[in-house]
PDB file of N, CA and C in Angstrom:
ATOM      1  N   UNK A   1     -29.580  -1.606   8.324  1.00  0.00           N
ATOM      2  CA  UNK A   1     -28.997  -2.907   8.098  1.00  0.00           C
ATOM      3  C   UNK A   1     -27.654  -2.986   8.802  1.00  0.00           C
ATOM      4  N   UNK A   2     -27.418  -4.044   9.528  1.00  0.00           N
ATOM      5  CA  UNK A   2     -26.171  -4.228  10.272  1.00  0.00           C
ATOM      6  C   UNK A   2     -25.033  -4.526   9.321  1.00  0.00           C
ATOM      7  N   UNK A   3     -23.882  -3.968   9.643  1.00  0.00           N
ATOM      8  CA  UNK A   3     -22.693  -4.230   8.846  1.00  0.00           C
ATOM      9  C   UNK A   3     -21.528  -4.472   9.792  1.00  0.00           C
ATOM     10  N   UNK A   4     -20.614  -5.401   9.438  1.00  0.00           N
ATOM     11  CA  UNK A   4     -19.464  -5.639  10.306  1.00  0.00           C
ATOM     12  C   UNK A   4     -18.495  -4.461  10.313  1.00  0.00           C
ATOM     13  N   UNK A   5     -18.631  -3.552   9.365  1.00  0.00           N
ATOM     14  CA  UNK A   5     -17.779  -2.368   9.336  1.00  0.00           C
ATOM     15  C   UNK A   5     -18.258  -1.408  10.425  1.00  0.00           C
ATOM     16  N   UNK A   6     -17.333  -0.829  11.106  1.00  0.00           N
ATOM     17  CA  UNK A   6     -17.663   0.152  12.135  1.00  0.00           C
ATOM     18  C   UNK A   6     -16.948   1.449  11.811  1.00  0.00           C
ATOM     19  N   UNK A   7     -17.294   2.492  12.540  1.00  0.00           N
ATOM     20  CA  UNK A   7     -16.612   3.769  12.299  1.00  0.00           C
ATOM     21  C   UNK A   7     -15.137   3.671  12.641  1.00  0.00           C
ATOM     22  N   UNK A   8     -14.770   2.714  13.477  1.00  0.00           N
ATOM     23  CA  UNK A   8     -13.366   2.546  13.848  1.00  0.00           C
ATOM     24  C   UNK A   8     -12.534   1.898  12.754  1.00  0.00           C
ATOM     25  N   UNK A   9     -13.181   1.090  11.899  1.00  0.00           N
ATOM     26  CA  UNK A   9     -12.380   0.379  10.901  1.00  0.00           C
ATOM     27  C   UNK A   9     -12.831   0.607   9.464  1.00  0.00           C
ATOM     28  N   UNK A  10     -13.691   1.598   9.236  1.00  0.00           N
ATOM     29  CA  UNK A  10     -14.120   1.902   7.879  1.00  0.00           C
ATOM     30  C   UNK A  10     -13.006   2.671   7.173  1.00  0.00           C
ATOM     31  N   UNK A  11     -12.453   2.123   6.092  1.00  0.00           N
ATOM     32  CA  UNK A  11     -11.279   2.735   5.461  1.00  0.00           C
ATOM     33  C   UNK A  11     -11.559   4.056   4.747  1.00  0.00           C
ATOM     34  N   UNK A  12     -12.785   4.284   4.292  1.00  0.00           N
ATOM     35  CA  UNK A  12     -13.030   5.473   3.485  1.00  0.00           C
ATOM     36  C   UNK A  12     -13.545   6.672   4.284  1.00  0.00           C
ATOM     37  N   UNK A  13     -13.404   6.659   5.609  1.00  0.00           N
ATOM     38  CA  UNK A  13     -13.815   7.798   6.426  1.00  0.00           C
ATOM     39  C   UNK A  13     -12.773   8.897   6.287  1.00  0.00           C
ATOM     40  N   UNK A  14     -13.258  10.095   6.064  1.00  0.00           N
ATOM     41  CA  UNK A  14     -12.394  11.270   5.940  1.00  0.00           C
ATOM     42  C   UNK A  14     -11.503  11.367   7.175  1.00  0.00           C
ATOM     43  N   UNK A  15     -10.201  11.586   7.014  1.00  0.00           N
ATOM     44  CA  UNK A  15      -9.287  11.684   8.163  1.00  0.00           C
ATOM     45  C   UNK A  15      -9.696  12.762   9.164  1.00  0.00           C
ATOM     46  N   UNK A  16     -10.260  13.861   8.691  1.00  0.00           N
ATOM     47  CA  UNK A  16     -10.710  14.925   9.599  1.00  0.00           C
ATOM     48  C   UNK A  16     -11.877  14.439  10.455  1.00  0.00           C
ATOM     49  N   UNK A  17     -12.761  13.672   9.848  1.00  0.00           N
ATOM     50  CA  UNK A  17     -13.895  13.105  10.597  1.00  0.00           C
ATOM     51  C   UNK A  17     -13.377  12.103  11.618  1.00  0.00           C
ATOM     52  N   UNK A  18     -12.439  11.258  11.191  1.00  0.00           N
ATOM     53  CA  UNK A  18     -11.857  10.277  12.101  1.00  0.00           C
ATOM     54  C   UNK A  18     -11.170  10.977  13.281  1.00  0.00           C
ATOM     55  N   UNK A  19     -10.471  12.070  13.015  1.00  0.00           N
ATOM     56  CA  UNK A  19      -9.788  12.836  14.073  1.00  0.00           C
ATOM     57  C   UNK A  19     -10.792  13.448  15.042  1.00  0.00           C
ATOM     58  N   UNK A  20     -11.870  14.026  14.519  1.00  0.00           N
ATOM     59  CA  UNK A  20     -12.914  14.617  15.370  1.00  0.00           C
ATOM     60  C   UNK A  20     -13.583  13.533  16.210  1.00  0.00           C
ATOM     61  N   UNK A  21     -13.858  12.408  15.600  1.00  0.00           N
ATOM     62  CA  UNK A  21     -14.453  11.282  16.321  1.00  0.00           C
ATOM     63  C   UNK A  21     -13.527  10.823  17.445  1.00  0.00           C
ATOM     64  N   UNK A  22     -12.250  10.743  17.167  1.00  0.00           N
ATOM     65  CA  UNK A  22     -11.268  10.344  18.173  1.00  0.00           C
ATOM     66  C   UNK A  22     -11.218  11.347  19.321  1.00  0.00           C
ATOM     67  N   UNK A  23     -11.245  12.635  18.989  1.00  0.00           N
ATOM     68  CA  UNK A  23     -11.226  13.679  20.018  1.00  0.00           C
ATOM     69  C   UNK A  23     -12.454  13.578  20.918  1.00  0.00           C
ATOM     70  N   UNK A  24     -13.617  13.407  20.307  1.00  0.00           N
ATOM     71  CA  UNK A  24     -14.848  13.291  21.086  1.00  0.00           C
ATOM     72  C   UNK A  24     -14.846  12.031  21.956  1.00  0.00           C
ATOM     73  N   UNK A  25     -14.358  10.939  21.401  1.00  0.00           N
ATOM     74  CA  UNK A  25     -14.297   9.694  22.177  1.00  0.00           C
ATOM     75  C   UNK A  25     -13.311   9.800  23.330  1.00  0.00           C
ATOM     76  N   UNK A  26     -12.219  10.522  23.131  1.00  0.00           N
ATOM     77  CA  UNK A  26     -11.282  10.753  24.237  1.00  0.00           C
ATOM     78  C   UNK A  26     -11.973  11.511  25.365  1.00  0.00           C
ATOM     79  N   UNK A  27     -12.782  12.510  25.015  1.00  0.00           N
ATOM     80  CA  UNK A  27     -13.531  13.257  26.031  1.00  0.00           C
ATOM     81  C   UNK A  27     -14.528  12.354  26.746  1.00  0.00           C
ATOM     82  N   UNK A  28     -15.219  11.517  25.983  1.00  0.00           N
ATOM     83  CA  UNK A  28     -16.172  10.572  26.584  1.00  0.00           C
ATOM     84  C   UNK A  28     -15.444   9.641  27.547  1.00  0.00           C
ATOM     85  N   UNK A  29     -14.279   9.143  27.138  1.00  0.00           N
ATOM     86  CA  UNK A  29     -13.500   8.252  28.003  1.00  0.00           C
ATOM     87  C   UNK A  29     -13.093   8.957  29.292  1.00  0.00           C
ATOM     88  N   UNK A  30     -12.705  10.225  29.201  1.00  0.00           N
ATOM     89  CA  UNK A  30     -12.343  10.995  30.391  1.00  0.00           C
ATOM     90  C   UNK A  30     -13.548  11.189  31.308  1.00  0.00           C
ATOM     91  N   UNK A  31     -14.694  11.476  30.724  1.00  0.00           N
ATOM     92  CA  UNK A  31     -15.921  11.651  31.521  1.00  0.00           C
ATOM     93  C   UNK A  31     -16.293  10.332  32.197  1.00  0.00           C
ATOM     94  N   UNK A  32     -16.197   9.224  31.461  1.00  0.00           N
ATOM     95  CA  UNK A  32     -16.489   7.907  32.054  1.00  0.00           C
ATOM     96  C   UNK A  32     -15.584   7.641  33.251  1.00  0.00           C
ATOM     97  N   UNK A  33     -14.309   7.971  33.115  1.00  0.00           N
ATOM     98  CA  UNK A  33     -13.372   7.771  34.231  1.00  0.00           C
ATOM     99  C   UNK A  33     -13.781   8.623  35.424  1.00  0.00           C
ATOM    100  N   UNK A  34     -14.163   9.875  35.175  1.00  0.00           N
ATOM    101  CA  UNK A  34     -14.591  10.757  36.258  1.00  0.00           C
ATOM    102  C   UNK A  34     -15.843  10.225  36.943  1.00  0.00           C
ATOM    103  N   UNK A  35     -16.790   9.721  36.151  1.00  0.00           N
ATOM    104  CA  UNK A  35     -18.025   9.155  36.717  1.00  0.00           C
ATOM    105  C   UNK A  35     -17.699   7.985  37.634  1.00  0.00           C
ATOM    106  N   UNK A  36     -16.810   7.110  37.201  1.00  0.00           N
ATOM    107  CA  UNK A  36     -16.429   5.951  38.022  1.00  0.00           C
ATOM    108  C   UNK A  36     -15.785   6.405  39.326  1.00  0.00           C
ATOM    109  N   UNK A  37     -14.902   7.386  39.247  1.00  0.00           N
ATOM    110  CA  UNK A  37     -14.247   7.878  40.462  1.00  0.00           C
ATOM    111  C   UNK A  37     -15.249   8.565  41.391  1.00  0.00           C
ATOM    112  N   UNK A  38     -16.198   9.297  40.838  1.00  0.00           N
ATOM    113  CA  UNK A  38     -17.228   9.943  41.657  1.00  0.00           C
ATOM    114  C   UNK A  38     -18.121   8.889  42.325  1.00  0.00           C
ATOM    115  N   UNK A  39     -18.477   7.845  41.581  1.00  0.00           N
ATOM    116  CA  UNK A  39     -19.279   6.777  42.181  1.00  0.00           C
ATOM    117  C   UNK A  39     -18.509   6.080  43.298  1.00  0.00           C
ATOM    118  N   UNK A  40     -17.213   5.878  43.105  1.00  0.00           N
ATOM    119  CA  UNK A  40     -16.397   5.249  44.153  1.00  0.00           C
ATOM    120  C   UNK A  40     -16.408   6.109  45.414  1.00  0.00           C
ATOM    121  N   UNK A  41     -16.268   7.412  45.258  1.00  0.00           N
ATOM    122  CA  UNK A  41     -16.313   8.312  46.418  1.00  0.00           C
ATOM    123  C   UNK A  41     -17.684   8.287  47.076  1.00  0.00           C
ATOM    124  N   UNK A  42     -18.725   8.270  46.261  1.00  0.00           N
ATOM    125  CA  UNK A  42     -20.085   8.232  46.804  1.00  0.00           C
ATOM    126  C   UNK A  42     -20.283   6.964  47.630  1.00  0.00           C
ATOM    127  N   UNK A  43     -19.821   5.829  47.113  1.00  0.00           N
ATOM    128  CA  UNK A  43     -20.001   4.572  47.838  1.00  0.00           C
ATOM    129  C   UNK A  43     -19.128   4.508  49.093  1.00  0.00           C
ATOM    130  N   UNK A  44     -17.993   5.176  49.109  1.00  0.00           N
ATOM    131  CA  UNK A  44     -17.214   5.257  50.351  1.00  0.00           C
ATOM    132  C   UNK A  44     -18.031   5.956  51.431  1.00  0.00           C
ATOM    133  N   UNK A  45     -18.720   7.033  51.041  1.00  0.00           N
ATOM    134  CA  UNK A  45     -19.560   7.760  52.008  1.00  0.00           C
ATOM    135  C   UNK A  45     -20.752   6.924  52.445  1.00  0.00           C
ATOM    136  N   UNK A  46     -21.389   6.247  51.489  1.00  0.00           N
ATOM    137  CA  UNK A  46     -22.562   5.458  51.866  1.00  0.00           C
ATOM    138  C   UNK A  46     -22.172   4.256  52.718  1.00  0.00           C
ATOM    139  N   UNK A  47     -20.956   3.748  52.550  1.00  0.00           N
ATOM    140  CA  UNK A  47     -20.478   2.670  53.431  1.00  0.00           C
ATOM    141  C   UNK A  47     -20.399   3.190  54.873  1.00  0.00           C
ATOM    142  N   UNK A  48     -19.905   4.409  55.030  1.00  0.00           N
ATOM    143  CA  UNK A  48     -19.821   5.006  56.362  1.00  0.00           C
ATOM    144  C   UNK A  48     -21.213   5.193  56.947  1.00  0.00           C
ATOM    145  N   UNK A  49     -22.161   5.623  56.125  1.00  0.00           N
ATOM    146  CA  UNK A  49     -23.545   5.749  56.569  1.00  0.00           C
ATOM    147  C   UNK A  49     -24.066   4.382  57.011  1.00  0.00           C
ATOM    148  N   UNK A  50     -23.772   3.353  56.241  1.00  0.00           N
ATOM    149  CA  UNK A  50     -24.215   2.003  56.589  1.00  0.00           C
ATOM    150  C   UNK A  50     -23.676   1.543  57.926  1.00  0.00           C
ATOM    151  N   UNK A  51     -22.406   1.838  58.195  1.00  0.00           N
ATOM    152  CA  UNK A  51     -21.824   1.463  59.498  1.00  0.00           C
ATOM    153  C   UNK A  51     -22.471   2.251  60.627  1.00  0.00           C
ATOM    154  N   UNK A  52     -22.713   3.522  60.402  1.00  0.00           N
ATOM    155  CA  UNK A  52     -23.369   4.353  61.418  1.00  0.00           C
ATOM    156  C   UNK A  52     -24.778   3.830  61.700  1.00  0.00           C
ATOM    157  N   UNK A  53     -25.518   3.533  60.651  1.00  0.00           N
ATOM    158  CA  UNK A  53     -26.867   2.991  60.828  1.00  0.00           C
ATOM    159  C   UNK A  53     -26.832   1.659  61.573  1.00  0.00           C
ATOM    160  N   UNK A  54     -25.897   0.804  61.212  1.00  0.00           N
ATOM    161  CA  UNK A  54     -25.811  -0.512  61.863  1.00  0.00           C
ATOM    162  C   UNK A  54     -25.487  -0.361  63.344  1.00  0.00           C
ATOM    163  N   UNK A  55     -24.536   0.521  63.668  1.00  0.00           N
ATOM    164  CA  UNK A  55     -24.163   0.715  65.082  1.00  0.00           C
ATOM    165  C   UNK A  55     -25.331   1.222  65.908  1.00  0.00           C
ATOM    166  N   UNK A  56     -26.215   1.987  65.281  1.00  0.00           N
ATOM    167  CA  UNK A  56     -27.339   2.576  66.013  1.00  0.00           C
ATOM    168  C   UNK A  56     -28.661   1.891  65.690  1.00  0.00           C
ATOM    169  N   UNK A  57     -28.569   0.737  65.065  1.00  0.00           N
ATOM    170  CA  UNK A  57     -29.728  -0.100  64.748  1.00  0.00           C
ATOM    171  C   UNK A  57     -30.815   0.669  63.983  1.00  0.00           C
ATOM    172  N   UNK A  58     -30.371   1.457  63.007  1.00  0.00           N
ATOM    173  CA  UNK A  58     -31.295   2.172  62.137  1.00  0.00           C
ATOM    174  C   UNK A  58     -31.545   1.324  60.894  1.00  0.00           C
ATOM    175  N   UNK A  59     -32.711   1.463  60.288  1.00  0.00           N
ATOM    176  CA  UNK A  59     -33.017   0.645  59.106  1.00  0.00           C
ATOM    177  C   UNK A  59     -32.107   1.000  57.917  1.00  0.00           C
ATOM    178  N   UNK A  60     -31.802   0.023  57.083  1.00  0.00           N
ATOM    179  CA  UNK A  60     -30.935   0.269  55.923  1.00  0.00           C
ATOM    180  C   UNK A  60     -31.524   1.279  54.930  1.00  0.00           C
ATOM    181  N   UNK A  61     -32.828   1.274  54.765  1.00  0.00           N
ATOM    182  CA  UNK A  61     -33.483   2.169  53.801  1.00  0.00           C
ATOM    183  C   UNK A  61     -34.101   3.352  54.523  1.00  0.00           C
ATOM    184  N   UNK A  62     -34.206   4.461  53.809  1.00  0.00           N
ATOM    185  CA  UNK A  62     -34.864   5.668  54.307  1.00  0.00           C
ATOM    186  C   UNK A  62     -35.743   6.195  53.170  1.00  0.00           C
ATOM    187  N   UNK A  63     -36.949   5.631  53.033  1.00  0.00           N
ATOM    188  CA  UNK A  63     -37.809   5.975  51.895  1.00  0.00           C
ATOM    189  C   UNK A  63     -38.085   7.473  51.746  1.00  0.00           C
ATOM    190  N   UNK A  64     -38.198   8.187  52.850  1.00  0.00           N
ATOM    191  CA  UNK A  64     -38.435   9.631  52.762  1.00  0.00           C
ATOM    192  C   UNK A  64     -37.271  10.360  52.109  1.00  0.00           C
ATOM    193  N   UNK A  65     -36.059  10.050  52.563  1.00  0.00           N
ATOM    194  CA  UNK A  65     -34.869  10.674  51.966  1.00  0.00           C
ATOM    195  C   UNK A  65     -34.728  10.254  50.504  1.00  0.00           C
ATOM    196  N   UNK A  66     -34.974   8.982  50.242  1.00  0.00           N
ATOM    197  CA  UNK A  66     -34.850   8.498  48.871  1.00  0.00           C
ATOM    198  C   UNK A  66     -35.802   9.245  47.944  1.00  0.00           C
ATOM    199  N   UNK A  67     -37.040   9.462  48.378  1.00  0.00           N
ATOM    200  CA  UNK A  67     -38.019  10.194  47.560  1.00  0.00           C
ATOM    201  C   UNK A  67     -37.559  11.641  47.337  1.00  0.00           C
ATOM    202  N   UNK A  68     -37.020  12.270  48.388  1.00  0.00           N
ATOM    203  CA  UNK A  68     -36.522  13.648  48.245  1.00  0.00           C
ATOM    204  C   UNK A  68     -35.347  13.703  47.279  1.00  0.00           C
ATOM    205  N   UNK A  69     -34.459  12.716  47.368  1.00  0.00           N
ATOM    206  CA  UNK A  69     -33.301  12.678  46.470  1.00  0.00           C
ATOM    207  C   UNK A  69     -33.733  12.470  45.017  1.00  0.00           C
ATOM    208  N   UNK A  70     -34.716  11.629  44.816  1.00  0.00           N
ATOM    209  CA  UNK A  70     -35.210  11.399  43.454  1.00  0.00           C
ATOM    210  C   UNK A  70     -35.776  12.690  42.884  1.00  0.00           C
ATOM    211  N   UNK A  71     -36.594  13.385  43.660  1.00  0.00           N
ATOM    212  CA  UNK A  71     -37.153  14.656  43.194  1.00  0.00           C
ATOM    213  C   UNK A  71     -36.043  15.669  42.924  1.00  0.00           C
ATOM    214  N   UNK A  72     -35.060  15.727  43.802  1.00  0.00           N
ATOM    215  CA  UNK A  72     -33.928  16.645  43.640  1.00  0.00           C
ATOM    216  C   UNK A  72     -33.160  16.332  42.363  1.00  0.00           C
ATOM    217  N   UNK A  73     -32.858  15.057  42.137  1.00  0.00           N
ATOM    218  CA  UNK A  73     -32.109  14.688  40.934  1.00  0.00           C
ATOM    219  C   UNK A  73     -32.927  14.874  39.658  1.00  0.00           C
ATOM    220  N   UNK A  74     -34.227  14.658  39.730  1.00  0.00           N
ATOM    221  CA  UNK A  74     -35.073  14.919  38.556  1.00  0.00           C
ATOM    222  C   UNK A  74     -35.004  16.401  38.194  1.00  0.00           C
ATOM    223  N   UNK A  75     -35.047  17.260  39.200  1.00  0.00           N
ATOM    224  CA  UNK A  75     -34.958  18.701  38.962  1.00  0.00           C
ATOM    225  C   UNK A  75     -33.586  19.083  38.398  1.00  0.00           C
ATOM    226  N   UNK A  76     -32.531  18.526  38.985  1.00  0.00           N
ATOM    227  CA  UNK A  76     -31.183  18.785  38.466  1.00  0.00           C
ATOM    228  C   UNK A  76     -31.063  18.316  37.019  1.00  0.00           C
ATOM    229  N   UNK A  77     -31.633  17.156  36.734  1.00  0.00           N
ATOM    230  CA  UNK A  77     -31.579  16.619  35.372  1.00  0.00           C
ATOM    231  C   UNK A  77     -32.303  17.544  34.398  1.00  0.00           C
ATOM    232  N   UNK A  78     -33.483  18.000  34.777  1.00  0.00           N
ATOM    233  CA  UNK A  78     -34.223  18.923  33.905  1.00  0.00           C
ATOM    234  C   UNK A  78     -33.393  20.168  33.615  1.00  0.00           C
ATOM    235  N   UNK A  79     -32.782  20.738  34.659  1.00  0.00           N
ATOM    236  CA  UNK A  79     -31.969  21.941  34.486  1.00  0.00           C
ATOM    237  C   UNK A  79     -30.743  21.676  33.616  1.00  0.00           C
ATOM    238  N   UNK A  80     -30.236  20.451  33.647  1.00  0.00           N
ATOM    239  CA  UNK A  80     -29.059  20.085  32.861  1.00  0.00           C
ATOM    240  C   UNK A  80     -29.433  19.565  31.468  1.00  0.00           C
ATOM    241  N   UNK A  81     -30.726  19.586  31.145  1.00  0.00           N
ATOM    242  CA  UNK A  81     -31.212  19.075  29.852  1.00  0.00           C
ATOM    243  C   UNK A  81     -30.948  17.583  29.689  1.00  0.00           C
ATOM    244  N   UNK A  82     -31.081  16.859  30.805  1.00  0.00           N
ATOM    245  CA  UNK A  82     -30.963  15.406  30.824  1.00  0.00           C
ATOM    246  C   UNK A  82     -32.346  14.840  31.123  1.00  0.00           C
ATOM    247  N   UNK A  83     -32.685  13.744  30.519  1.00  0.00           N
ATOM    248  CA  UNK A  83     -33.982  13.118  30.731  1.00  0.00           C
ATOM    249  C   UNK A  83     -34.164  12.781  32.214  1.00  0.00           C
ATOM    250  N   UNK A  84     -35.140  13.422  32.886  1.00  0.00           N
ATOM    251  CA  UNK A  84     -35.358  13.150  34.315  1.00  0.00           C
ATOM    252  C   UNK A  84     -35.692  11.690  34.609  1.00  0.00           C
ATOM    253  N   UNK A  85     -36.375  11.024  33.694  1.00  0.00           N
ATOM    254  CA  UNK A  85     -36.697   9.605  33.896  1.00  0.00           C
ATOM    255  C   UNK A  85     -35.416   8.778  33.922  1.00  0.00           C
ATOM    256  N   UNK A  86     -34.462   9.115  33.054  1.00  0.00           N
ATOM    257  CA  UNK A  86     -33.172   8.422  33.068  1.00  0.00           C
ATOM    258  C   UNK A  86     -32.458   8.675  34.390  1.00  0.00           C
ATOM    259  N   UNK A  87     -32.431   9.927  34.846  1.00  0.00           N
ATOM    260  CA  UNK A  87     -31.777  10.264  36.109  1.00  0.00           C
ATOM    261  C   UNK A  87     -32.411   9.489  37.263  1.00  0.00           C
ATOM    262  N   UNK A  88     -33.734   9.370  37.244  1.00  0.00           N
ATOM    263  CA  UNK A  88     -34.431   8.627  38.299  1.00  0.00           C
ATOM    264  C   UNK A  88     -34.070   7.146  38.260  1.00  0.00           C
ATOM    265  N   UNK A  89     -34.040   6.563  37.079  1.00  0.00           N
ATOM    266  CA  UNK A  89     -33.661   5.152  36.960  1.00  0.00           C
ATOM    267  C   UNK A  89     -32.236   4.927  37.464  1.00  0.00           C
ATOM    268  N   UNK A  90     -31.353   5.829  37.094  1.00  0.00           N
ATOM    269  CA  UNK A  90     -29.957   5.729  37.512  1.00  0.00           C
ATOM    270  C   UNK A  90     -29.861   5.820  39.038  1.00  0.00           C
ATOM    271  N   UNK A  91     -30.546   6.800  39.638  1.00  0.00           N
ATOM    272  CA  UNK A  91     -30.506   6.943  41.090  1.00  0.00           C
ATOM    273  C   UNK A  91     -31.162   5.748  41.772  1.00  0.00           C
ATOM    274  N   UNK A  92     -32.253   5.245  41.243  1.00  0.00           N
ATOM    275  CA  UNK A  92     -32.890   4.059  41.844  1.00  0.00           C
ATOM    276  C   UNK A  92     -31.954   2.864  41.844  1.00  0.00           C
ATOM    277  N   UNK A  93     -31.174   2.711  40.776  1.00  0.00           N
ATOM    278  CA  UNK A  93     -30.186   1.636  40.712  1.00  0.00           C
ATOM    279  C   UNK A  93     -29.143   1.817  41.818  1.00  0.00           C
ATOM    280  N   UNK A  94     -28.656   3.037  41.980  1.00  0.00           N
ATOM    281  CA  UNK A  94     -27.653   3.317  43.017  1.00  0.00           C
ATOM    282  C   UNK A  94     -28.245   3.102  44.405  1.00  0.00           C
ATOM    283  N   UNK A  95     -29.451   3.602  44.629  1.00  0.00           N
ATOM    284  CA  UNK A  95     -30.101   3.447  45.933  1.00  0.00           C
ATOM    285  C   UNK A  95     -30.260   1.964  46.278  1.00  0.00           C
ATOM    286  N   UNK A  96     -30.689   1.170  45.321  1.00  0.00           N
ATOM    287  CA  UNK A  96     -30.862  -0.273  45.571  1.00  0.00           C
ATOM    288  C   UNK A  96     -29.534  -0.910  45.969  1.00  0.00           C
ATOM    289  N   UNK A  97     -28.461  -0.511  45.324  1.00  0.00           N
ATOM    290  CA  UNK A  97     -27.141  -1.054  45.652  1.00  0.00           C
ATOM    291  C   UNK A  97     -26.704  -0.598  47.049  1.00  0.00           C
ATOM    292  N   UNK A  98     -26.948   0.659  47.381  1.00  0.00           N
ATOM    293  CA  UNK A  98     -26.596   1.177  48.704  1.00  0.00           C
ATOM    294  C   UNK A  98     -27.367   0.421  49.785  1.00  0.00           C
ATOM    295  N   UNK A  99     -28.651   0.226  49.579  1.00  0.00           N
ATOM    296  CA  UNK A  99     -29.464  -0.501  50.564  1.00  0.00           C
ATOM    297  C   UNK A  99     -28.943  -1.922  50.725  1.00  0.00           C
ATOM    298  N   UNK A 100     -28.582  -2.550  49.627  1.00  0.00           N
ATOM    299  CA  UNK A 100     -28.018  -3.910  49.699  1.00  0.00           C
ATOM    300  C   UNK A 100     -26.751  -3.898  50.552  1.00  0.00           C
ATOM    301  N   UNK A 101     -25.899  -2.898  50.347  1.00  0.00           N
ATOM    302  CA  UNK A 101     -24.679  -2.778  51.163  1.00  0.00           C
ATOM    303  C   UNK A 101     -25.034  -2.563  52.629  1.00  0.00           C
ATOM    304  N   UNK A 102     -25.999  -1.687  52.897  1.00  0.00           N
ATOM    305  CA  UNK A 102     -26.386  -1.401  54.286  1.00  0.00           C
ATOM    306  C   UNK A 102     -26.954  -2.642  54.964  1.00  0.00           C
ATOM    307  N   UNK A 103     -27.725  -3.421  54.236  1.00  0.00           N
ATOM    308  CA  UNK A 103     -28.266  -4.664  54.808  1.00  0.00           C
ATOM    309  C   UNK A 103     -27.139  -5.625  55.161  1.00  0.00           C
ATOM    310  N   UNK A 104     -26.157  -5.719  54.278  1.00  0.00           N
ATOM    311  CA  UNK A 104     -25.026  -6.623  54.547  1.00  0.00           C
ATOM    312  C   UNK A 104     -24.218  -6.118  55.740  1.00  0.00           C
ATOM    313  N   UNK A 105     -23.987  -4.821  55.823  1.00  0.00           N
ATOM    314  CA  UNK A 105     -23.250  -4.252  56.954  1.00  0.00           C
ATOM    315  C   UNK A 105     -23.995  -4.531  58.254  1.00  0.00           C
ATOM    316  N   UNK A 106     -25.313  -4.322  58.241  1.00  0.00           N
ATOM    317  CA  UNK A 106     -26.119  -4.577  59.443  1.00  0.00           C
ATOM    318  C   UNK A 106     -26.046  -6.041  59.840  1.00  0.00           C
ATOM    319  N   UNK A 107     -26.148  -6.926  58.872  1.00  0.00           N
ATOM    320  CA  UNK A 107     -26.065  -8.369  59.154  1.00  0.00           C
ATOM    321  C   UNK A 107     -24.698  -8.729  59.718  1.00  0.00           C
ATOM    322  N   UNK A 108     -23.649  -8.192  59.110  1.00  0.00           N
ATOM    323  CA  UNK A 108     -22.296  -8.472  59.593  1.00  0.00           C
ATOM    324  C   UNK A 108     -22.080  -7.914  60.997  1.00  0.00           C
ATOM    325  N   UNK A 109     -22.685  -6.767  61.281  1.00  0.00           N
ATOM    326  CA  UNK A 109     -22.561  -6.161  62.603  1.00  0.00           C
ATOM    327  C   UNK A 109     -23.247  -7.037  63.655  1.00  0.00           C
ATOM    328  N   UNK A 110     -24.430  -7.528  63.301  1.00  0.00           N
ATOM    329  CA  UNK A 110     -25.178  -8.417  64.219  1.00  0.00           C
ATOM    330  C   UNK A 110     -24.397  -9.707  64.455  1.00  0.00           C
ATOM    331  N   UNK A 111     -23.790 -10.241  63.398  1.00  0.00           N
ATOM    332  CA  UNK A 111     -23.050 -11.502  63.503  1.00  0.00           C
ATOM    333  C   UNK A 111     -21.651 -11.316  64.068  1.00  0.00           C
ATOM    334  N   UNK A 112     -21.240 -10.069  64.241  1.00  0.00           N
ATOM    335  CA  UNK A 112     -19.911  -9.805  64.814  1.00  0.00           C
ATOM    336  C   UNK A 112     -18.755  -9.967  63.866  1.00  0.00           C
ATOM    337  N   UNK A 113     -19.043 -10.061  62.560  1.00  0.00           N
ATOM    338  CA  UNK A 113     -17.939 -10.192  61.596  1.00  0.00           C
ATOM    339  C   UNK A 113     -17.581  -8.830  61.021  1.00  0.00           C
ATOM    340  N   UNK A 114     -16.434  -8.770  60.375  1.00  0.00           N
ATOM    341  CA  UNK A 114     -15.981  -7.526  59.772  1.00  0.00           C
ATOM    342  C   UNK A 114     -16.591  -7.405  58.386  1.00  0.00           C
ATOM    343  N   UNK A 115     -17.350  -6.318  58.134  1.00  0.00           N
ATOM    344  CA  UNK A 115     -17.970  -6.148  56.816  1.00  0.00           C
ATOM    345  C   UNK A 115     -16.933  -5.949  55.727  1.00  0.00           C
ATOM    346  N   UNK A 116     -17.242  -6.448  54.562  1.00  0.00           N
ATOM    347  CA  UNK A 116     -16.387  -6.256  53.394  1.00  0.00           C
ATOM    348  C   UNK A 116     -16.632  -4.877  52.816  1.00  0.00           C
ATOM    349  N   UNK A 117     -15.705  -4.392  52.011  1.00  0.00           N
ATOM    350  CA  UNK A 117     -15.812  -3.068  51.410  1.00  0.00           C
ATOM    351  C   UNK A 117     -16.928  -2.991  50.381  1.00  0.00           C
ATOM    352  N   UNK A 118     -17.354  -4.100  49.826  1.00  0.00           N
ATOM    353  CA  UNK A 118     -18.414  -4.049  48.811  1.00  0.00           C
ATOM    354  C   UNK A 118     -19.737  -4.378  49.445  1.00  0.00           C
TER     355      UNK A 118
END
């Protein structure tokens, strides 16, 4: 049953439990920040790949590499005790975004305009 009370504002939570929850949430927040920074670095690299592909008139997508990467990440996920299906969905989302960026870079290159960072 849903309640408007949350663990953040429930008055009768043991202070030790609240402290442990806060410590764990701080760690989660730090990990989230690291993930965002890692994704930013990854997209900086994929932007460079997109420009290289556009200059050499290569297709935005590389289905063979994408399939190999999916298999690689599924294996890494299994070894890390992470659901491989989740890892695959996450990578497919990233791949779709990268391809969208590469298509835009290629279009901008053909049109002679300066591609945007996104």
